[in-house]
């Protein structure tokens, strides 16, 4: 039986998907890479934009979501925290 992802896990999946794609990704690709539906993805993107982790970018034809320096810094710090928690045998995710 699979457990459901928390909102935080979904936010991280979105940020990681954008980062892995070179820092910029279309919404359709975020849907697939973060395993979300089109109906649900916008609420997560809106939240990450409101917190300054992502920016919306339009080039006239397409809309992209770009990870900000704050988003990159957050992922970096979270990875450090994960390494520490794993070293103590207390995984955080």
Protein backbone atom coordinates (compact mmCIF):
# COMPACT_ATOMS: atom_id res chain seq x y z
CA UNK A 1 0.00 0.00 0.00
CA UNK A 2 1.36 3.39 -0.97
CA UNK A 3 1.07 6.37 1.32
CA UNK A 4 -0.05 9.68 -0.07
CA UNK A 5 2.44 12.48 -0.52
CA UNK A 6 2.22 15.45 1.78
CA UNK A 7 1.93 18.96 0.38
CA UNK A 8 5.56 19.56 1.30
CA UNK A 9 6.64 16.47 -0.65
CA UNK A 10 4.68 17.70 -3.67
CA UNK A 11 6.25 21.17 -3.43
CA UNK A 12 9.67 19.51 -3.33
CA UNK A 13 8.82 17.28 -6.30
CA UNK A 14 7.84 20.37 -8.32
CA UNK A 15 10.99 22.29 -7.36
CA UNK A 16 13.23 19.31 -8.10
CA UNK A 17 11.56 18.71 -11.46
CA UNK A 18 12.18 22.30 -12.51
CA UNK A 19 15.75 22.24 -11.23
CA UNK A 20 16.56 18.96 -13.02
CA UNK A 21 15.21 20.41 -16.27
CA UNK A 22 17.78 23.20 -16.20
CA UNK A 23 15.77 25.60 -14.07
CA UNK A 24 12.87 26.26 -16.42
CA UNK A 25 9.90 24.07 -17.33
CA UNK A 26 6.48 24.26 -18.98
CA UNK A 27 3.44 23.38 -16.91
CA UNK A 28 2.72 20.19 -18.89
CA UNK A 29 6.18 18.87 -18.13
CA UNK A 30 5.78 19.74 -14.45
CA UNK A 31 2.52 17.76 -14.41
CA UNK A 32 4.31 14.67 -15.72
CA UNK A 33 7.59 14.96 -13.82
CA UNK A 34 5.94 15.77 -10.47
CA UNK A 35 3.12 13.26 -11.03
CA UNK A 36 0.27 15.74 -10.69
CA UNK A 37 -2.95 16.43 -12.55
CA UNK A 38 -3.55 19.60 -14.53
CA UNK A 39 -6.35 20.39 -12.08
CA UNK A 40 -4.06 20.29 -9.05
CA UNK A 41 -0.75 21.61 -10.37
CA UNK A 42 -1.76 25.28 -10.47
CA UNK A 43 -2.39 25.50 -6.71
CA UNK A 44 1.12 24.21 -6.01
CA UNK A 45 2.68 26.55 -8.57
CA UNK A 46 0.76 29.53 -7.15
CA UNK A 47 2.03 28.75 -3.66
CA UNK A 48 5.65 28.33 -4.76
CA UNK A 49 5.45 31.59 -6.71
CA UNK A 50 3.92 33.42 -3.73
CA UNK A 51 6.81 32.25 -1.54
CA UNK A 52 9.42 33.29 -4.10
CA UNK A 53 10.66 29.79 -4.99
CA UNK A 54 9.41 29.95 -8.60
CA UNK A 55 8.76 32.68 -11.15
CA UNK A 56 6.37 32.59 -14.07
CA UNK A 57 7.95 33.56 -17.38
CA UNK A 58 6.15 34.12 -20.71
CA UNK A 59 7.93 34.32 -24.04
CA UNK A 60 4.84 35.26 -26.00
CA UNK A 61 3.95 31.75 -27.09
CA UNK A 62 4.68 29.65 -24.02
CA UNK A 63 4.61 30.01 -20.26
CA UNK A 64 7.49 28.61 -18.25
CA UNK A 65 8.08 28.23 -14.55
CA UNK A 66 11.60 29.13 -13.50
CA UNK A 67 13.24 28.23 -10.21
CA UNK A 68 14.61 31.26 -8.35
CA UNK A 69 17.82 31.55 -6.40
CA UNK A 70 15.70 31.30 -3.26
CA UNK A 71 14.28 27.99 -4.55
CA UNK A 72 17.76 26.67 -5.32
CA UNK A 73 19.02 27.76 -1.90
CA UNK A 74 16.08 26.07 -0.21
CA UNK A 75 16.75 22.76 -1.98
CA UNK A 76 20.44 23.00 -1.10
CA UNK A 77 19.77 23.63 2.58
CA UNK A 78 17.18 20.88 2.67
CA UNK A 79 19.71 18.42 1.24
CA UNK A 80 22.15 19.36 4.02
CA UNK A 81 19.44 18.78 6.62
CA UNK A 82 18.59 15.41 5.05
CA UNK A 83 22.25 14.33 5.23
CA UNK A 84 22.40 15.24 8.91
CA UNK A 85 19.12 13.53 9.75
CA UNK A 86 20.15 10.41 7.83
CA UNK A 87 23.49 10.32 9.69
CA UNK A 88 21.55 10.15 12.95
CA UNK A 89 19.18 7.50 11.65
CA UNK A 90 16.18 9.82 11.59
CA UNK A 91 15.10 10.34 7.97
CA UNK A 92 12.99 13.42 7.36
CA UNK A 93 11.67 12.25 3.98
